[in-house]
């Protein structure tokens, strides 16, 4: 078996665009779920809003790229307000139901035949990332990392630079925010919102702020998602994306700044390590009772089993604390 190939592909995935996308999505969920106790099962909707704001603005209407970024941020705020106003005064499960339904509504709207001229239907939109790559500071060519162990082309390096800088910037801002009085109120709401309300704090307002901030970070993840692929395709923004982001968050540890970062890197490392390892084992006839067409299903089974064991033996994740994932569903 080619262990160099297996590990190099796994390390590439652990720092690649997928890790960045799910890291940012999980950071948004960390603000909502980890720190505030809000069950948002529709993070995919915020990523879709971010992705399609850029794609539609540039590819459909021919407007400037950065206008699309601004529109995406504004629309993510409006979506959070639309979801939060009728639900945040109610029990936690109402928000979960509304957000998972909203994510499907957004996905169905952008893939609808009636709006194909605007959103591209099931084929999605392309040809909108030129302005982003025009800012690339890396000359055309291939770039090696870790002495040639892994490598990316100039477009991939630009995505990695922008993506990880955004991850670092958002993480530093949240680090200071969560140590501030505002952050301590969010944590108190997660623990006992009735006690916080008794102290005269506007619990609804703080919950709304957390929902908006997490949604905006999700939209930023959507920007990277669309730009890294130079396309926006609706079925990529299914509920699976949200649950993968929760997996990343729980793996790294909820209510921890480093949790989503380490969780995303480890999750994608393991995903590709298992996939490439199985393919190599089958191709080299180390495993003879499977074929390569079955690798995808087996990969998810193995990762799923690992997550079950994680939740049984260490439900708080790598950096987390069991108390951080307790929910008050009142």
Protein backbone atom coordinates (compact mmCIF):
# COMPACT_ATOMS: atom_id res chain seq x y z
CA UNK A 1 0.00 0.00 0.00
CA UNK A 2 1.15 3.51 -0.81
CA UNK A 3 1.18 5.04 2.67
CA UNK A 4 2.75 8.23 1.35
CA UNK A 5 -0.28 8.78 -0.90
CA UNK A 6 -2.71 7.96 1.92
CA UNK A 7 -1.17 10.35 4.44
CA UNK A 8 -0.48 13.13 1.94
CA UNK A 9 -4.08 13.18 0.74
CA UNK A 10 -5.34 13.08 4.31
CA UNK A 11 -3.11 16.00 5.35
CA UNK A 12 -4.18 17.99 2.29
CA UNK A 13 -7.82 17.51 3.26
CA UNK A 14 -7.06 18.44 6.87
CA UNK A 15 -5.86 21.91 5.86
CA UNK A 16 -7.75 22.24 2.57
CA UNK A 17 -10.81 24.21 1.53
CA UNK A 18 -13.27 21.66 2.95
CA UNK A 19 -11.69 21.99 6.39
CA UNK A 20 -11.91 25.80 6.16
CA UNK A 21 -15.57 25.72 5.09
CA UNK A 22 -16.67 23.38 7.85
CA UNK A 23 -14.48 25.15 10.39
CA UNK A 24 -16.23 28.47 9.72
CA UNK A 25 -19.66 26.80 9.68
CA UNK A 26 -18.86 25.15 13.03
CA UNK A 27 -17.58 28.43 14.51
CA UNK A 28 -20.97 29.96 13.68
CA UNK A 29 -22.70 27.02 15.37
CA UNK A 30 -20.33 27.39 18.32
CA UNK A 31 -21.62 30.90 18.96
CA UNK A 32 -25.21 29.69 18.72
CA UNK A 33 -25.08 26.21 20.23
CA UNK A 34 -21.82 26.03 22.16
CA UNK A 35 -22.00 29.37 23.95
CA UNK A 36 -25.72 30.23 23.90
CA UNK A 37 -27.48 26.85 23.72
CA UNK A 38 -29.44 27.59 20.52
CA UNK A 39 -30.24 24.59 18.34
CA UNK A 40 -29.77 25.83 14.79
CA UNK A 41 -30.23 22.90 12.40
CA UNK A 42 -30.28 25.18 9.37
CA UNK A 43 -26.70 26.44 9.11
CA UNK A 44 -26.67 25.19 5.52
CA UNK A 45 -29.19 27.93 4.69
CA UNK A 46 -26.74 30.63 5.75
CA UNK A 47 -23.98 29.06 3.65
CA UNK A 48 -26.34 28.92 0.67
CA UNK A 49 -27.26 32.58 1.16
CA UNK A 50 -23.59 33.55 1.19
CA UNK A 51 -22.70 31.44 -1.84
CA UNK A 52 -25.64 32.48 -3.98
CA UNK A 53 -25.33 36.14 -3.06
CA UNK A 54 -21.91 36.26 -4.73
CA UNK A 55 -22.88 33.93 -7.57
CA UNK A 56 -26.12 35.71 -8.45
CA UNK A 57 -24.71 39.20 -8.08
CA UNK A 58 -21.79 38.53 -10.43
CA UNK A 59 -22.93 35.75 -12.80
CA UNK A 60 -26.59 36.74 -13.21
CA UNK A 61 -26.63 40.52 -12.84
CA UNK A 62 -23.03 41.37 -13.74
CA UNK A 63 -22.47 43.49 -10.63
CA UNK A 64 -19.20 43.90 -8.68
CA UNK A 65 -17.89 40.98 -6.62
CA UNK A 66 -17.62 42.89 -3.35
CA UNK A 67 -21.22 44.08 -3.70
CA UNK A 68 -22.18 40.41 -3.67
CA UNK A 69 -20.21 39.94 -0.45
CA UNK A 70 -22.06 42.85 1.16
CA UNK A 71 -25.43 41.56 -0.05
CA UNK A 72 -24.64 38.11 1.38
CA UNK A 73 -23.84 39.53 4.81
CA UNK A 74 -27.02 41.65 4.85
CA UNK A 75 -29.20 38.75 3.71
CA UNK A 76 -27.72 36.47 6.37
CA UNK A 77 -28.70 39.02 9.02
CA UNK A 78 -32.22 39.26 7.59
CA UNK A 79 -32.54 35.46 7.50
CA UNK A 80 -31.47 35.21 11.14
CA UNK A 81 -34.03 37.86 12.12
CA UNK A 82 -36.72 36.10 10.11
CA UNK A 83 -36.00 32.80 11.86
CA UNK A 84 -35.38 34.20 15.32
CA UNK A 85 -38.22 36.68 15.86
CA UNK A 86 -41.04 34.08 15.96
CA UNK A 87 -39.07 31.32 17.72
CA UNK A 88 -36.54 32.64 20.23
CA UNK A 89 -39.18 33.39 22.86
CA UNK A 90 -40.29 29.76 22.68
CA UNK A 91 -38.63 26.47 23.64
CA UNK A 92 -35.33 25.45 22.07
CA UNK A 93 -36.84 22.75 19.86
CA UNK A 94 -39.02 25.27 18.01
CA UNK A 95 -35.90 27.00 16.66
CA UNK A 96 -34.49 23.62 15.61
CA UNK A 97 -37.65 22.76 13.66
CA UNK A 98 -37.88 26.16 11.98
CA UNK A 99 -34.21 26.30 10.98
CA UNK A 100 -34.08 22.82 9.46
CA UNK A 101 -37.21 23.63 7.46
CA UNK A 102 -35.77 26.99 6.38
CA UNK A 103 -32.62 25.33 5.07
CA UNK A 104 -34.69 23.06 2.84
CA UNK A 105 -36.82 25.99 1.68
CA UNK A 106 -33.72 27.95 0.65
CA UNK A 107 -32.28 24.94 -1.17
CA UNK A 108 -35.52 24.26 -3.04
CA UNK A 109 -35.90 27.90 -4.03
CA UNK A 110 -32.43 28.19 -5.57
CA UNK A 111 -32.83 24.89 -7.46
CA UNK A 112 -36.36 25.60 -8.73
CA UNK A 113 -37.07 25.58 -12.46
CA UNK A 114 -39.10 28.78 -12.23
CA UNK A 115 -36.04 30.72 -11.02
CA UNK A 116 -33.49 28.99 -13.24
CA UNK A 117 -32.60 32.21 -15.07
CA UNK A 118 -31.61 33.76 -11.74
CA UNK A 119 -30.12 30.89 -9.72
CA UNK A 120 -29.23 28.38 -12.43
CA UNK A 121 -31.58 25.60 -11.31
CA UNK A 122 -30.07 22.22 -10.46
CA UNK A 123 -26.94 23.06 -12.46
CA UNK A 124 -26.20 26.10 -10.30
CA UNK A 125 -24.08 29.07 -11.33
CA UNK A 126 -20.48 29.42 -12.51
CA UNK A 127 -18.25 32.16 -13.87
CA UNK A 128 -18.38 34.48 -10.87
CA UNK A 129 -15.00 33.95 -9.14
CA UNK A 130 -12.77 35.83 -11.59
CA UNK A 131 -12.57 38.97 -9.43
CA UNK A 132 -11.61 36.92 -6.40
CA UNK A 133 -8.79 35.09 -8.18
CA UNK A 134 -7.66 38.31 -9.84
CA UNK A 135 -6.49 39.37 -6.35
CA UNK A 136 -4.32 36.24 -6.04
CA UNK A 137 -0.86 37.03 -4.67
CA UNK A 138 0.54 33.64 -5.76
CA UNK A 139 2.01 33.42 -9.28
CA UNK A 140 0.68 30.59 -11.44
CA UNK A 141 2.23 27.22 -10.64
CA UNK A 142 2.38 24.41 -8.11
CA UNK A 143 3.40 24.98 -4.49
CA UNK A 144 4.78 22.38 -2.10
CA UNK A 145 4.29 22.33 1.65
CA UNK A 146 6.24 20.30 4.21
CA UNK A 147 9.04 19.53 1.79
CA UNK A 148 6.78 18.33 -0.98
CA UNK A 149 4.68 16.08 1.27
CA UNK A 150 1.56 17.98 0.22
CA UNK A 151 0.96 20.61 -2.43
CA UNK A 152 -1.59 22.93 -4.02
CA UNK A 153 -1.78 25.02 -7.16
CA UNK A 154 -1.81 28.82 -7.04
CA UNK A 155 -5.61 28.99 -6.87
CA UNK A 156 -5.70 26.52 -4.01
CA UNK A 157 -3.02 28.43 -2.13
CA UNK A 158 -5.00 31.66 -2.48
CA UNK A 159 -8.12 29.98 -1.09
CA UNK A 160 -6.10 28.55 1.81
CA UNK A 161 -4.54 31.92 2.62
CA UNK A 162 -7.82 33.82 2.56
CA UNK A 163 -9.72 31.04 4.33
CA UNK A 164 -7.36 30.45 7.22
CA UNK A 165 -6.85 34.20 7.72
CA UNK A 166 -10.64 34.52 8.04
CA UNK A 167 -10.70 31.60 10.50
CA UNK A 168 -7.96 33.23 12.59
CA UNK A 169 -9.61 36.65 12.49
CA UNK A 170 -13.04 35.34 13.49
CA UNK A 171 -11.53 33.17 16.23
CA UNK A 172 -9.56 36.06 17.77
CA UNK A 173 -12.66 38.29 17.75
CA UNK A 174 -14.72 35.57 19.44
CA UNK A 175 -11.96 34.91 21.98
CA UNK A 176 -12.17 38.49 23.23
CA UNK A 177 -15.97 38.65 22.83
CA UNK A 178 -16.56 35.55 24.94
CA UNK A 179 -14.32 36.87 27.71
CA UNK A 180 -16.31 40.12 27.81
CA UNK A 181 -19.47 40.74 29.86
CA UNK A 182 -21.48 40.11 26.68
CA UNK A 183 -19.95 36.66 26.29
CA UNK A 184 -20.54 35.82 29.93
CA UNK A 185 -24.23 36.66 29.49
CA UNK A 186 -24.45 34.24 26.55
CA UNK A 187 -22.93 31.46 28.65
CA UNK A 188 -25.31 32.26 31.49
CA UNK A 189 -28.27 32.02 29.10
CA UNK A 190 -27.09 28.57 28.07
CA UNK A 191 -26.97 27.50 31.71
CA UNK A 192 -30.19 29.08 33.02
CA UNK A 193 -31.96 31.75 31.03
CA UNK A 194 -34.57 32.29 33.77
CA UNK A 195 -31.83 33.39 36.16
CA UNK A 196 -30.43 35.75 33.54
CA UNK A 197 -33.90 37.18 32.94
CA UNK A 198 -34.33 37.66 36.68
CA UNK A 199 -31.19 39.82 36.68
CA UNK A 200 -32.85 42.21 34.22
CA UNK A 201 -31.11 41.08 31.02
CA UNK A 202 -33.03 40.97 27.76
CA UNK A 203 -32.59 37.28 26.98
CA UNK A 204 -34.39 37.52 23.64
CA UNK A 205 -32.04 40.26 22.46
CA UNK A 206 -28.91 38.31 23.41
CA UNK A 207 -30.21 35.15 21.73
CA UNK A 208 -30.96 37.13 18.58
CA UNK A 209 -27.47 38.60 18.57
CA UNK A 210 -25.96 35.10 18.84
CA UNK A 211 -28.18 33.80 16.05
CA UNK A 212 -27.25 36.73 13.78
CA UNK A 213 -23.51 36.49 14.46
CA UNK A 214 -23.46 32.73 13.91
CA UNK A 215 -25.45 33.17 10.70
CA UNK A 216 -23.08 35.83 9.38
CA UNK A 217 -20.10 33.55 10.03
CA UNK A 218 -22.01 30.81 8.19
CA UNK A 219 -22.44 33.16 5.22
CA UNK A 220 -18.67 33.75 5.20
CA UNK A 221 -18.24 29.97 5.02
CA UNK A 222 -20.63 30.04 2.07
CA UNK A 223 -18.41 32.59 0.32
CA UNK A 224 -15.42 30.27 0.62
CA UNK A 225 -17.53 27.27 -0.42
CA UNK A 226 -18.60 28.92 -3.67
CA UNK A 227 -15.28 30.61 -4.49
CA UNK A 228 -13.14 27.53 -3.86
CA UNK A 229 -15.20 25.59 -6.42
CA UNK A 230 -15.98 28.55 -8.72
CA UNK A 231 -19.57 27.33 -8.69
CA UNK A 232 -22.70 27.38 -6.56
CA UNK A 233 -24.76 24.20 -6.83
CA UNK A 234 -27.93 23.92 -4.69
CA UNK A 235 -27.70 20.29 -3.60
CA UNK A 236 -24.37 20.97 -1.87
CA UNK A 237 -26.32 22.93 0.76
CA UNK A 238 -28.42 20.09 2.12
CA UNK A 239 -29.00 19.29 5.79
CA UNK A 240 -26.00 16.95 5.61
CA UNK A 241 -23.77 20.03 5.60
CA UNK A 242 -25.27 21.25 8.89
CA UNK A 243 -24.88 17.89 10.59
CA UNK A 244 -21.28 17.57 9.41
CA UNK A 245 -20.65 21.01 10.92
CA UNK A 246 -22.15 19.82 14.22
CA UNK A 247 -19.93 16.75 14.04
CA UNK A 248 -16.89 18.98 13.60
CA UNK A 249 -17.97 21.12 16.56
CA UNK A 250 -18.65 18.19 18.90
CA UNK A 251 -15.44 16.43 17.84
CA UNK A 252 -13.32 19.46 18.69
CA UNK A 253 -15.34 20.54 21.71
CA UNK A 254 -18.27 22.93 22.04
CA UNK A 255 -17.76 26.36 23.62
CA UNK A 256 -14.02 26.27 22.92
CA UNK A 257 -12.28 28.61 20.49
CA UNK A 258 -9.98 25.86 19.19
CA UNK A 259 -12.75 23.26 19.07
CA UNK A 260 -14.06 23.94 15.52
CA UNK A 261 -10.54 24.44 14.13
CA UNK A 262 -9.11 21.18 15.43
CA UNK A 263 -12.40 19.37 14.84
CA UNK A 264 -12.53 20.39 11.16
CA UNK A 265 -8.91 19.46 10.51
CA UNK A 266 -9.24 16.09 12.26
CA UNK A 267 -12.61 15.27 10.71
CA UNK A 268 -11.44 15.78 7.13
CA UNK A 269 -8.11 14.08 7.81
CA UNK A 270 -9.96 10.98 9.02
CA UNK A 271 -12.52 11.10 6.21
CA UNK A 272 -9.90 11.09 3.47
CA UNK A 273 -7.52 8.79 5.36
CA UNK A 274 -10.23 6.13 5.60
CA UNK A 275 -11.38 6.63 2.00
CA UNK A 276 -7.90 6.57 0.44
CA UNK A 277 -6.76 3.76 2.72
CA UNK A 278 -9.69 1.56 1.69
CA UNK A 279 -9.13 2.32 -1.99
CA UNK A 280 -5.44 1.44 -1.72
CA UNK A 281 -6.20 -1.75 0.20
CA UNK A 282 -8.69 -2.84 -2.44
CA UNK A 283 -6.42 -1.93 -5.37
CA UNK A 284 -3.48 -3.81 -3.80
CA UNK A 285 -5.81 -6.75 -2.99
CA UNK A 286 -5.17 -6.46 0.73
CA UNK A 287 -8.96 -6.37 1.01
CA UNK A 288 -10.64 -8.76 -1.45
CA UNK A 289 -14.25 -8.84 -0.23
CA UNK A 290 -14.98 -5.21 -1.25
CA UNK A 291 -14.76 -3.21 -4.45
CA UNK A 292 -14.01 0.48 -4.92
CA UNK A 293 -17.68 1.28 -5.57
CA UNK A 294 -18.45 0.32 -1.96
CA UNK A 295 -15.77 2.52 -0.41
CA UNK A 296 -18.05 5.55 0.05
CA UNK A 297 -20.61 3.62 2.08
CA UNK A 298 -17.98 1.81 4.16
CA UNK A 299 -16.20 5.12 4.78
CA UNK A 300 -19.33 6.66 6.31
CA UNK A 301 -19.96 3.51 8.35
CA UNK A 302 -16.47 3.60 9.87
CA UNK A 303 -16.59 7.33 10.57
CA UNK A 304 -20.09 6.95 11.99
CA UNK A 305 -18.96 4.16 14.31
CA UNK A 306 -16.08 6.33 15.46
CA UNK A 307 -18.45 9.20 16.24
CA UNK A 308 -20.75 6.88 18.19
CA UNK A 309 -17.81 5.74 20.29
CA UNK A 310 -16.76 9.37 20.77
CA UNK A 311 -20.21 10.31 22.03
CA UNK A 312 -20.24 7.33 24.40
CA UNK A 313 -16.78 7.72 25.91
CA UNK A 314 -16.03 11.45 25.43
CA UNK A 315 -19.19 13.36 24.49
CA UNK A 316 -17.50 16.70 25.24
CA UNK A 317 -15.00 16.23 22.39
CA UNK A 318 -11.27 16.87 22.47
CA UNK A 319 -11.18 20.21 24.28
CA UNK A 320 -14.71 20.40 25.66
CA UNK A 321 -16.38 19.99 29.01
CA UNK A 322 -19.51 17.90 29.56
CA UNK A 323 -21.16 20.88 31.20
CA UNK A 324 -20.77 22.91 28.01
CA UNK A 325 -23.15 20.70 26.02
CA UNK A 326 -25.96 20.63 28.57
CA UNK A 327 -29.13 22.22 27.20
CA UNK A 328 -32.01 23.96 28.90
CA UNK A 329 -34.94 23.20 26.58
CA UNK A 330 -37.46 25.28 28.49
